[in-house]
Every structure is written in C-alpha cells, then in structure tokens.
C-alpha cells in the first residue's frame, strides 16, 4: 500500500527509500515483529478465555506432554495477522508472486483453523477429514501455481545443473507445484509437535530463501550463478522477512514452556508459504534440502504407517521422529535445540547448491 502511495507521488524525498526492496523487506520484518509482540499477550489471553481446555493432548504420546493440558492453540492466527498486515503495507501491490504466495498462506491458514476449531470443539486430536483437507489444499495450491507459472515459466530446475532440465508445460507444472506446496505444508504441520520445534526451522528456511529470492529476482546474479531468473521474484523477500519477524515474535511466547501453540493454523500456512516461494523461484528441489528436517519428519510418518500396515511392527518408537527421540530419553529442549542445529546445517547445504553448478 505504501509503495503504491509513494509511486503515485513520484517517490519524493524520504519516500524514495520505499522504491528499494531491501528497505521494504526490512520494514516488513520490523512491522511484523512489533505487531506480534504487542498483540501477543492480549491475543493469548483471548484464546485462553475462548478455548477453555485448550488443545487436546494425545494420551498415547510422551507422558511429559500431559502437563501441557490447557495451553491454547490457534496461535498461528497471531503469525498470520502480523504477516498479512506488514506484507500488505510494504509490498508492491502489482506483484503477482506475492499475491499467489499470500493466497496459499491465507488459504492454508484457514484450512488449519478449521482443523484446530474442530479439535477444540470435539476435545479430540482428530480434526477435519483427511480427504477433505487435502482436496482443499490442492485446489488452493493449484490456483496459486497457475498464477505464478503464467509469467514465471514452467521449466524444471535441479541443483548442481545450470540449464533447464525439462519444460513441463503448464498442466504438469501446476500439478507438480501443487504437490510441492501441499507436501511441504503438511511436513511442517507434522513437525509442530514440541514447543518451538517448527518455528525456528521455518525462520531458518525463510532466511535461506530470502537470499535465493533476491538472487533469482536479479538478472545479473542469476546469470552469474546459473540459476533461473524470475523477474519480480525479488519482492518475495518482503513476505519472507515478514514471516521471520512474525516467527520471532511468536517464538517469544512459544518458547518452552509454551504459553500458546501454533496449531495447524500456523504450521500449515507457513509450510505452504515456503512451498509456494520455492515454486515461484523454481527451487523446489533446493527446498527439500533447506527444509530437510521437515522432509525427514514427514517421511518418518509415512514409513511408520506403511511398515505397520504391512507387518504390524513399528520402525520408530513413535512417529513423527521427534517423539521417537523423546521415547529414547531425550528431554524436549534437547530434541528441539538439536533439531534447530540440524535445520541450520541443512540450510547452509541448500545454499551451497547455488554455487555448485
């Protein structure tokens, strides 16, 4: 909004700063952080009053989690509110990539909210029917991918290779992009099982893609590195820095012992947003490296279910895999901090692929 106003005025004086993506991105981060920290205490009190018993806790999980009964959920609404206000305030309203990613963020956030609401209303950890939820997610992700590929192209790019590997065409790329967005949204959702476990890795992955979006949006850097150039993708740094700011504000209240849970409202939305950014920048496979922690968490569930259905035996003591380590005797803070370290190392490995081509 401010960009449009400054543009109409001809970027006079100090408003000339708004012309620069770096300034708007930094301002978006500061705005999201401030909104989250200021609204957080009131918002958590409001959730606690509305939800009563809070998020249902699985009785078959680690016994230490039973002490968390009464903690309110849907804290992702605080993140989404902070992100939405800051991005709409500082983004270039003409940028289709930001709008497409916001569509995924808001759409997945709504699906997650419906799921959280169902859990709280029924006082049970089961939410929306899986098929219904996936159908809605694929619909939103498909529309967003279609909006992006109309101007961003349909070339498939893989790490360590400079040239486009394959042009999928719009139908196949829309299907591929939708799968990436839905898969990553649900992977982050599965990871959100311990206080702060999903929040910091999302921030770390956003920081990695902050650099990727800036490089992809700059023709000189993209040409030098041999990565796809997507005009306009640089504006996604505004969204990513807003997510980082909002995530840091939420982590202030979500640090152990958590005063509020993110819930599906936040985890599904943030995972979907990262997936959408990866599709916009044609770095879907790099996302699998940068967000490798989320991939492993999701795979642990898939492996556990598949093996159990086939043999009746469990590969892990409990899935997702963070619960496996809890059952091995690791304390919750130990699991969280060690997984943060792994996430940071994987982000560096993903960024290394930009040069190794």
Protein backbone atom coordinates (compact mmCIF):
# COMPACT_ATOMS: atom_id res chain seq x y z
CA UNK A 1 0.00 0.00 0.00
CA UNK A 2 2.77 2.42 0.95
CA UNK A 3 4.62 1.54 -2.25
CA UNK A 4 1.57 2.49 -4.32
CA UNK A 5 1.18 5.78 -2.47
CA UNK A 6 4.86 6.63 -2.84
CA UNK A 7 4.76 5.67 -6.52
CA UNK A 8 1.77 7.93 -7.16
CA UNK A 9 3.67 10.78 -5.51
CA UNK A 10 6.81 10.08 -7.56
CA UNK A 11 8.90 8.78 -4.62
CA UNK A 12 9.72 12.26 -3.26
CA UNK A 13 12.33 12.83 -0.53
CA UNK A 14 12.50 10.13 2.11
CA UNK A 15 9.76 8.16 0.33
CA UNK A 16 12.39 7.25 -2.25
CA UNK A 17 13.53 4.57 0.22
CA UNK A 18 10.30 2.68 -0.46
CA UNK A 19 11.49 2.14 -4.03
CA UNK A 20 14.09 -0.34 -2.71
CA UNK A 21 13.13 -3.93 -1.95
CA UNK A 22 15.72 -4.18 0.82
CA UNK A 23 14.15 -1.28 2.72
CA UNK A 24 10.59 -2.54 2.33
CA UNK A 25 11.60 -6.07 3.34
CA UNK A 26 13.36 -4.83 6.47
CA UNK A 27 10.42 -2.61 7.33
CA UNK A 28 8.01 -5.51 6.86
CA UNK A 29 10.05 -7.63 9.27
CA UNK A 30 10.13 -4.89 11.91
CA UNK A 31 6.40 -4.27 11.47
CA UNK A 32 5.51 -7.96 11.84
CA UNK A 33 7.76 -8.31 14.90
CA UNK A 34 6.22 -5.26 16.57
CA UNK A 35 2.64 -6.36 15.85
CA UNK A 36 3.32 -9.87 17.18
CA UNK A 37 4.96 -8.69 20.40
CA UNK A 38 2.33 -6.03 21.08
CA UNK A 39 -0.72 -8.18 20.33
CA UNK A 40 0.68 -11.42 21.78
CA UNK A 41 -0.28 -11.08 25.49
CA UNK A 42 -3.81 -9.87 24.72
CA UNK A 43 -4.28 -12.45 21.98
CA UNK A 44 -3.15 -15.38 24.17
CA UNK A 45 -5.48 -14.27 26.97
CA UNK A 46 -8.34 -14.08 24.49
CA UNK A 47 -7.62 -17.58 23.16
CA UNK A 48 -7.40 -18.98 26.69
CA UNK A 49 -10.79 -17.46 27.58
CA UNK A 50 -12.43 -18.74 24.38
CA UNK A 51 -10.98 -22.27 24.32
CA UNK A 52 -11.21 -23.31 27.95
CA UNK A 53 -9.38 -26.65 27.95
CA UNK A 54 -7.13 -25.61 25.07
CA UNK A 55 -5.61 -28.03 22.56
CA UNK A 56 -6.37 -31.72 23.18
CA UNK A 57 -3.23 -33.68 24.13
CA UNK A 58 -2.67 -37.20 22.80
CA UNK A 59 -2.78 -39.72 25.65
CA UNK A 60 -0.59 -42.17 23.69
CA UNK A 61 2.23 -39.64 23.39
CA UNK A 62 5.10 -38.90 25.80
CA UNK A 63 3.74 -38.57 29.33
CA UNK A 64 5.58 -35.27 29.82
CA UNK A 65 3.18 -33.69 27.31
CA UNK A 66 0.18 -34.24 29.60
CA UNK A 67 1.38 -31.28 31.68
CA UNK A 68 0.60 -29.05 28.67
CA UNK A 69 -3.15 -29.53 29.03
CA UNK A 70 -4.96 -26.23 28.99
CA UNK A 71 -2.49 -24.50 26.68
CA UNK A 72 -4.46 -22.61 23.99
CA UNK A 73 -3.94 -23.39 20.31
CA UNK A 74 -4.55 -21.44 17.06
CA UNK A 75 -1.58 -19.21 17.90
CA UNK A 76 -0.84 -19.24 14.19
CA UNK A 77 -3.51 -16.55 13.89
CA UNK A 78 -1.08 -14.17 15.58
CA UNK A 79 1.59 -15.00 13.00
CA UNK A 80 -0.78 -14.69 10.05
CA UNK A 81 -2.20 -11.39 11.29
CA UNK A 82 1.29 -9.94 11.70
CA UNK A 83 2.42 -11.22 8.29
CA UNK A 84 -0.71 -10.09 6.43
CA UNK A 85 -0.69 -6.54 7.81
CA UNK A 86 3.04 -6.00 7.28
CA UNK A 87 3.13 -7.50 3.77
CA UNK A 88 0.07 -5.58 2.54
CA UNK A 89 1.59 -2.43 3.99
CA UNK A 90 5.02 -2.76 2.37
CA UNK A 91 4.61 -4.96 -0.74
CA UNK A 92 4.32 -3.86 -4.36
CA UNK A 93 0.60 -4.48 -4.91
CA UNK A 94 1.24 -5.21 -8.60
CA UNK A 95 3.45 -8.25 -7.86
CA UNK A 96 1.64 -11.48 -8.76
CA UNK A 97 4.13 -13.72 -6.95
CA UNK A 98 3.48 -12.11 -3.57
CA UNK A 99 -0.28 -12.33 -4.12
CA UNK A 100 -0.03 -16.02 -5.09
CA UNK A 101 2.05 -16.82 -2.00
CA UNK A 102 -0.35 -14.84 0.19
CA UNK A 103 -3.22 -16.87 -1.29
CA UNK A 104 -1.53 -20.07 -0.18
CA UNK A 105 -0.64 -18.65 3.24
CA UNK A 106 -4.15 -17.40 3.93
CA UNK A 107 -5.89 -20.40 2.35
CA UNK A 108 -3.83 -22.98 4.20
CA UNK A 109 -4.21 -20.92 7.37
CA UNK A 110 -8.00 -21.08 7.01
CA UNK A 111 -7.89 -24.86 6.49
CA UNK A 112 -5.66 -25.20 9.54
CA UNK A 113 -8.00 -23.00 11.58
CA UNK A 114 -10.99 -25.17 10.65
CA UNK A 115 -8.98 -28.22 11.70
CA UNK A 116 -7.95 -26.63 15.03
CA UNK A 117 -11.50 -25.44 15.68
CA UNK A 118 -12.85 -28.95 15.10
CA UNK A 119 -10.29 -30.39 17.54
CA UNK A 120 -11.11 -27.86 20.25
CA UNK A 121 -14.88 -28.22 19.75
CA UNK A 122 -14.75 -32.02 19.92
CA UNK A 123 -12.00 -32.05 22.58
CA UNK A 124 -10.18 -34.62 20.45
CA UNK A 125 -6.90 -34.54 18.50
CA UNK A 126 -8.61 -35.64 15.26
CA UNK A 127 -9.73 -32.72 13.11
CA UNK A 128 -11.06 -32.38 9.55
CA UNK A 129 -11.38 -35.47 7.38
CA UNK A 130 -8.07 -36.08 5.63
CA UNK A 131 -9.53 -36.30 2.11
CA UNK A 132 -11.47 -33.06 2.51
CA UNK A 133 -8.43 -31.25 3.83
CA UNK A 134 -6.14 -32.48 1.05
CA UNK A 135 -8.69 -31.62 -1.65
CA UNK A 136 -8.94 -28.03 -0.40
CA UNK A 137 -5.16 -27.74 -0.13
CA UNK A 138 -4.58 -28.98 -3.69
CA UNK A 139 -7.24 -26.60 -5.01
CA UNK A 140 -5.60 -23.57 -3.41
CA UNK A 141 -2.06 -24.68 -4.30
CA UNK A 142 -3.09 -25.40 -7.89
CA UNK A 143 -4.59 -21.94 -8.38
CA UNK A 144 -1.54 -20.27 -6.85
CA UNK A 145 0.87 -22.26 -9.02
CA UNK A 146 -1.13 -21.43 -12.14
CA UNK A 147 -0.94 -17.72 -11.29
CA UNK A 148 2.83 -17.94 -10.91
CA UNK A 149 3.71 -20.04 -13.96
CA UNK A 150 1.79 -17.77 -16.31
CA UNK A 151 4.68 -15.31 -16.04
CA UNK A 152 7.42 -17.37 -14.38
CA UNK A 153 7.64 -20.20 -16.88
CA UNK A 154 7.33 -23.96 -16.50
CA UNK A 155 10.98 -25.03 -16.57
CA UNK A 156 12.13 -27.70 -14.13
CA UNK A 157 15.46 -26.93 -12.45
CA UNK A 158 17.53 -29.18 -10.22
CA UNK A 159 20.57 -28.46 -8.00
CA UNK A 160 24.07 -28.68 -9.50
CA UNK A 161 22.75 -28.20 -13.07
CA UNK A 162 22.77 -24.78 -14.77
CA UNK A 163 20.43 -25.49 -17.66
CA UNK A 164 16.70 -26.13 -17.52
CA UNK A 165 16.29 -29.89 -17.18
CA UNK A 166 12.80 -30.09 -18.67
CA UNK A 167 9.95 -27.81 -19.66
CA UNK A 168 6.91 -29.46 -18.07
CA UNK A 169 4.28 -27.24 -19.64
CA UNK A 170 1.51 -25.57 -17.66
CA UNK A 171 -0.66 -28.63 -16.77
CA UNK A 172 2.22 -30.76 -15.48
CA UNK A 173 3.94 -27.88 -13.72
CA UNK A 174 0.73 -26.85 -11.98
CA UNK A 175 0.34 -30.43 -10.72
CA UNK A 176 4.00 -30.57 -9.67
CA UNK A 177 3.92 -27.18 -7.96
CA UNK A 178 0.69 -28.00 -6.13
CA UNK A 179 2.23 -31.23 -4.85
CA UNK A 180 5.32 -29.39 -3.56
CA UNK A 181 3.21 -26.79 -1.75
CA UNK A 182 0.81 -29.33 -0.20
CA UNK A 183 3.59 -31.74 0.74
CA UNK A 184 5.69 -29.08 2.43
CA UNK A 185 2.71 -27.55 4.20
CA UNK A 186 1.88 -30.90 5.75
CA UNK A 187 5.54 -31.67 6.51
CA UNK A 188 5.82 -28.50 8.63
CA UNK A 189 2.48 -29.36 10.21
CA UNK A 190 3.79 -32.79 11.27
CA UNK A 191 6.93 -31.22 12.72
CA UNK A 192 4.95 -28.89 15.00
CA UNK A 193 4.79 -31.26 17.97
CA UNK A 194 7.15 -29.68 20.51
CA UNK A 195 7.48 -26.14 21.86
CA UNK A 196 9.43 -24.11 19.32
CA UNK A 197 10.33 -27.12 17.18
CA UNK A 198 8.70 -25.92 13.95
CA UNK A 199 9.02 -22.17 14.49
CA UNK A 200 12.79 -21.78 14.38
CA UNK A 201 13.38 -24.15 11.41
CA UNK A 202 10.73 -22.17 9.49
CA UNK A 203 12.64 -18.99 10.32
CA UNK A 204 15.93 -20.60 9.23
CA UNK A 205 14.42 -21.86 5.96
CA UNK A 206 12.92 -18.41 5.34
CA UNK A 207 16.35 -16.84 5.83
CA UNK A 208 17.84 -19.21 3.26
CA UNK A 209 15.11 -18.49 0.73
CA UNK A 210 15.44 -14.80 1.49
CA UNK A 211 18.80 -14.94 -0.26
CA UNK A 212 17.51 -17.22 -3.02
CA UNK A 213 14.57 -14.96 -3.91
CA UNK A 214 16.80 -11.90 -4.03
CA UNK A 215 19.31 -13.63 -6.33
CA UNK A 216 16.63 -15.13 -8.58
CA UNK A 217 14.99 -11.72 -8.96
CA UNK A 218 18.25 -10.04 -10.01
CA UNK A 219 19.24 -10.82 -13.61
CA UNK A 220 22.97 -10.21 -13.03
CA UNK A 221 23.26 -12.51 -10.01
CA UNK A 222 21.03 -15.16 -11.59
CA UNK A 223 23.08 -15.21 -14.78
CA UNK A 224 26.37 -15.37 -12.88
CA UNK A 225 25.22 -18.27 -10.69
CA UNK A 226 23.46 -20.13 -13.49
CA UNK A 227 20.11 -20.16 -11.67
CA UNK A 228 16.73 -19.29 -13.23
CA UNK A 229 15.93 -15.59 -13.40
CA UNK A 230 12.34 -14.79 -12.44
CA UNK A 231 11.57 -11.06 -12.82
CA UNK A 232 9.56 -9.86 -9.84
CA UNK A 233 10.52 -12.75 -7.55
CA UNK A 234 12.75 -10.42 -5.56
CA UNK A 235 9.65 -8.90 -3.93
CA UNK A 236 9.10 -12.19 -2.13
CA UNK A 237 11.83 -11.04 0.27
CA UNK A 238 9.14 -8.78 1.75
CA UNK A 239 6.98 -11.81 2.54
CA UNK A 240 9.87 -13.90 3.86
CA UNK A 241 11.20 -11.19 6.18
CA UNK A 242 7.65 -10.61 7.44
CA UNK A 243 7.46 -14.34 8.26
CA UNK A 244 10.81 -14.10 10.05
CA UNK A 245 9.66 -11.11 12.11
CA UNK A 246 6.31 -12.69 12.97
CA UNK A 247 8.00 -16.01 13.72
CA UNK A 248 10.42 -14.41 16.16
CA UNK A 249 7.54 -12.64 17.92
CA UNK A 250 5.63 -15.91 18.19
CA UNK A 251 8.70 -17.74 19.46
CA UNK A 252 8.81 -15.25 22.35
CA UNK A 253 5.54 -16.77 23.59
CA UNK A 254 6.08 -20.30 22.24
CA UNK A 255 9.45 -20.90 23.94
CA UNK A 256 9.29 -23.74 26.49
CA UNK A 257 7.05 -23.87 28.40
CA UNK A 258 4.80 -22.57 25.64
CA UNK A 259 2.08 -20.07 26.53
CA UNK A 260 0.36 -20.85 23.22
CA UNK A 261 0.59 -23.48 20.48
CA UNK A 262 0.88 -22.59 16.80
CA UNK A 263 -1.64 -25.22 15.80
CA UNK A 264 -2.42 -26.29 12.26
CA UNK A 265 -3.47 -22.68 11.65
CA UNK A 266 0.16 -21.57 11.69
CA UNK A 267 2.18 -24.64 10.73
CA UNK A 268 0.14 -25.50 7.64
CA UNK A 269 0.16 -21.86 6.48
CA UNK A 270 3.89 -21.34 7.00
CA UNK A 271 4.81 -24.61 5.32
CA UNK A 272 2.56 -23.77 2.39
CA UNK A 273 4.12 -20.31 2.12
CA UNK A 274 7.64 -21.77 1.91
CA UNK A 275 6.48 -24.28 -0.68
CA UNK A 276 4.90 -21.50 -2.74
CA UNK A 277 8.08 -19.41 -2.59
CA UNK A 278 10.09 -22.43 -3.77
CA UNK A 279 7.71 -22.91 -6.72
CA UNK A 280 7.86 -19.20 -7.60
CA UNK A 281 11.67 -19.27 -7.68
CA UNK A 282 11.93 -22.71 -9.35
CA UNK A 283 13.94 -24.04 -6.39
CA UNK A 284 11.63 -26.85 -5.36
CA UNK A 285 14.42 -29.40 -5.03
CA UNK A 286 16.58 -26.97 -3.06
CA UNK A 287 13.63 -26.62 -0.65
CA UNK A 288 13.90 -30.35 0.03
CA UNK A 289 17.49 -29.74 1.20
CA UNK A 290 16.95 -26.45 3.05
CA UNK A 291 13.84 -27.86 4.70
CA UNK A 292 15.30 -31.34 5.04
CA UNK A 293 14.26 -31.55 8.69
CA UNK A 294 10.61 -31.24 7.68
CA UNK A 295 11.10 -33.84 4.94
CA UNK A 296 12.56 -36.34 7.43
CA UNK A 297 9.71 -35.70 9.87
CA UNK A 298 7.14 -36.40 7.16
CA UNK A 299 8.98 -39.45 5.86
CA UNK A 300 9.13 -40.92 9.37
CA UNK A 301 5.33 -40.86 9.49
CA UNK A 302 4.98 -42.34 6.00
CA UNK A 303 7.47 -45.12 6.79
CA UNK A 304 5.89 -45.86 10.15
CA UNK A 305 2.38 -46.16 8.73
CA UNK A 306 3.44 -48.17 5.65
CA UNK A 307 5.54 -50.69 7.59
CA UNK A 308 2.96 -51.08 10.36
CA UNK A 309 0.15 -51.76 7.89
CA UNK A 310 2.27 -54.34 6.11
CA UNK A 311 3.98 -56.11 9.01
CA UNK A 312 2.26 -54.95 12.19
CA UNK A 313 5.64 -53.73 13.50
CA UNK A 314 6.91 -50.21 14.16
CA UNK A 315 10.15 -48.80 12.79
CA UNK A 316 10.21 -45.93 15.30
CA UNK A 317 9.12 -45.94 18.92
CA UNK A 318 6.69 -43.20 17.88
CA UNK A 319 6.24 -41.01 14.82
CA UNK A 320 6.89 -38.24 13.88
CA UNK A 321 10.54 -38.86 14.59
CA UNK A 322 10.91 -36.16 17.28
CA UNK A 323 8.70 -38.31 19.52
CA UNK A 324 11.00 -41.28 18.84
CA UNK A 325 13.89 -39.41 20.42
CA UNK A 326 11.71 -38.38 23.36
CA UNK A 327 10.97 -42.07 23.99
CA UNK A 328 14.71 -42.74 23.85
CA UNK A 329 15.09 -40.44 26.84
CA UNK A 330 15.96 -37.09 25.23
CA UNK A 331 14.33 -34.15 27.02
CA UNK A 332 12.08 -31.88 24.99
CA UNK A 333 14.54 -28.91 24.98
CA UNK A 334 17.33 -31.28 23.87
CA UNK A 335 15.30 -32.53 20.90
CA UNK A 336 14.27 -29.01 19.93
CA UNK A 337 17.73 -27.44 20.08
CA UNK A 338 19.44 -30.34 18.29
CA UNK A 339 16.83 -30.25 15.55
CA UNK A 340 17.41 -26.49 15.22
CA UNK A 341 21.10 -27.17 14.68
CA UNK A 342 20.32 -29.79 12.03
CA UNK A 343 17.98 -27.32 10.31
CA UNK A 344 20.70 -24.66 10.22
CA UNK A 345 23.26 -27.07 8.71
CA UNK A 346 20.76 -28.19 6.05
CA UNK A 347 20.01 -24.57 5.16
CA UNK A 348 23.70 -23.95 4.57
CA UNK A 349 23.89 -27.12 2.45
CA UNK A 350 20.94 -25.92 0.37
CA UNK A 351 22.53 -22.52 -0.20
CA UNK A 352 25.78 -24.22 -1.28
CA UNK A 353 23.94 -25.65 -4.30
CA UNK A 354 23.64 -22.13 -5.70
CA UNK A 355 27.35 -22.04 -6.43
CA UNK A 356 27.99 -25.72 -7.14
CA UNK A 357 26.62 -25.78 -10.66
